[in-house]
Amino acid sequence: MKSSDALASHSSIRTDKQANRAVVIGSGFGGLAVALRLLSDGWSVELLERHGDLGGRARVFHLDGVAFDAGPTVITAPFLFEELFERFGEKFDQHVTLLPVEPFYRMDYADGSYFDYKSTTDEIMGEIERLAPGTSNRYNDFMIATEKMYQRGFVDLAEQPFTKVTDMLKVLPDLIRLRADKSLYTFVSRFFDDERLRRAFSVPSLLVGGHPFRTSSLYGLIHALERRGGVWFPKGGTGALVTALADLFQRHGGIIRTRQDVTGLSVENNQVSGVDVRGGQHYPADIVVSNADPLHVYENWLPMKGWGRLLNGFRRRMKQSMGLLVVYFVTKRRYTELEHHTIVFGDTFKEILDTIFDDHELPEDLSLYLHRPSATDPEMAPPEGDAFYVLAPVPNLQGRQDWETLEPQITQNILSTLQQRLMPDLFEQLGATHTVSPRYFHDALSTPFGSGFSIAPTLTQSAGLRYHNRSPHYSNLYFVGAGTHPGAGVPGVVSSAGVVEKLVREDHVINHDPLATAQDKSAV
């Protein structure tokens, strides 16, 4: 079936002819996922992207002829992507090859010890026993507890809209029973006495922008999610997954327009009526879905008045996730001794994070996240060489650091730490490097404070207390992405598209013709 045929078939099953144009702003995983969901529901969908390439935080950089995934380094919960392909009668594995990452992560400690977070219970218990003899039996209790959090926090609530106070009140008893008021670090400490294990099992909160001593224990569900679905790397990188989603969207009639720098949303009769872009182009819409940070939208694209301005003041005071400084680099030799992921802990843990999150200052002691994709996909590195990115949590722009001056200094400090801890010959083997700071997240990704993951995942900023997936100001304006429910990280962002789809279905009744839908799928 040609793309134009697919679009006609989808459009033909709508009965509400006055509401069939959806414009999605931003091509991150959230924007692509919601564009596909709306397209499969019968909407005519245009996706607008500011840059010449797609992916948002998951876009691809090129350095010395090598492709680098700019953001997410692995995929968990692959069923979320399989579902998108199934909606159009296609098979995910015919377009994307997922390679297993093993171990999931290596934790490297300042005392010279390490912990490999592996894929099986027996292997994990063996690692625990090696570090803390006689304590591995506690892991089973930890798994049971995280499984309960997964069932309630992800299975039941991840795609459940939270738009009213009563929505939160309904789940409050479950949150109390799960002790979601406790921090993730406190929760982990119930099961493990060894400080290295406490760090190992609470550090995942940093991967969604949260301070482990502030993030709700509910985020223990990340462990159950990884154990259930595995940790995977798309062959060709996460950029290959972005390309596969975009191709799926276009194959079935979706329209992607790149280099569309949005300047504002037009409003008529208290409804968003379209999207304006630099150069004077206007895209009319019956609904608009933004993958851009909601605060950026409210402050820069919409004429907010009265209580809307007051709400913007509240939004500006919400706790933000940390900033990120990321160094991409190539080497002349391949480091086969290094795993796909290595988390390099500094001498301290809470002290580093307090300095970053609370004081908005740069710590002297660094913790790092090293990504070596060629450990799983050898083609992600130059012949006989290697390619990495290393990420350091840093203050977001609320710290008012001079990043133009600091970028080269911190880059040198990070590479020196890698040389001391993991790669003794790094400076001899080092090739081209490229660094991005919180300024990149602000300037290129429209994140108001240059934070890596929008607002922080604290209990008071969870579910209905995050940015709403449907605007409280304009009922046909919706949001997906890290700042919305259910939160940051690829599974959270993709799930936010499911929340928006439910809200759109509630707001815009569609009468599906099962025969037309079946004929459309059979023609693919």
Foldseek 3Di string as FASTA:
>chain_A
DFQVVLLVLLQVQFPPPVAAEEEEEAQALLSLLLLLLSSLNRHAYEYEAQAPFHHQCQTWDADPNFIDGNHDFWDFPCVLVQVSQVSLLHGPCVQWDWFFFAAPEWEAEPVGDIAGRHQDLVNNLVRVCVVPNPQSVLVVVLLVLLVLLLCVVPVPAQQAADADPVVVVVCVVVCVVSVQQFFLLVVQCVRDVDPVSSCVQQVVLVVQQAQRRFFGNSVSNVVVRCNVGNIIAIAVGVNSVSVSSVVSSSRSNYHYDYSFAWQAFDDDPLAGQWTAGPPGDIGGHSFYEYQADVLLHLVGHDDDDDVSVVVSVVLVPFQAGFAKKKKKWKWQADDLVDGQKYWYDWNDRNVQVCCARPVQAHDPTWIKIKGWCCNGHVVSHPVRMTIIMMMTTHHWCVSVDPCVVCNVVVVVVVQVVCCVRPNVCDVVTIDDMDMDILVCCCPVRVQPRSHPQTGRNGPCCARNNFQGQADPRHRRYGYAGARYPHHGDSVSRSSSSSNNSVSVCVVRPGRGDVVSSVVSSVVD
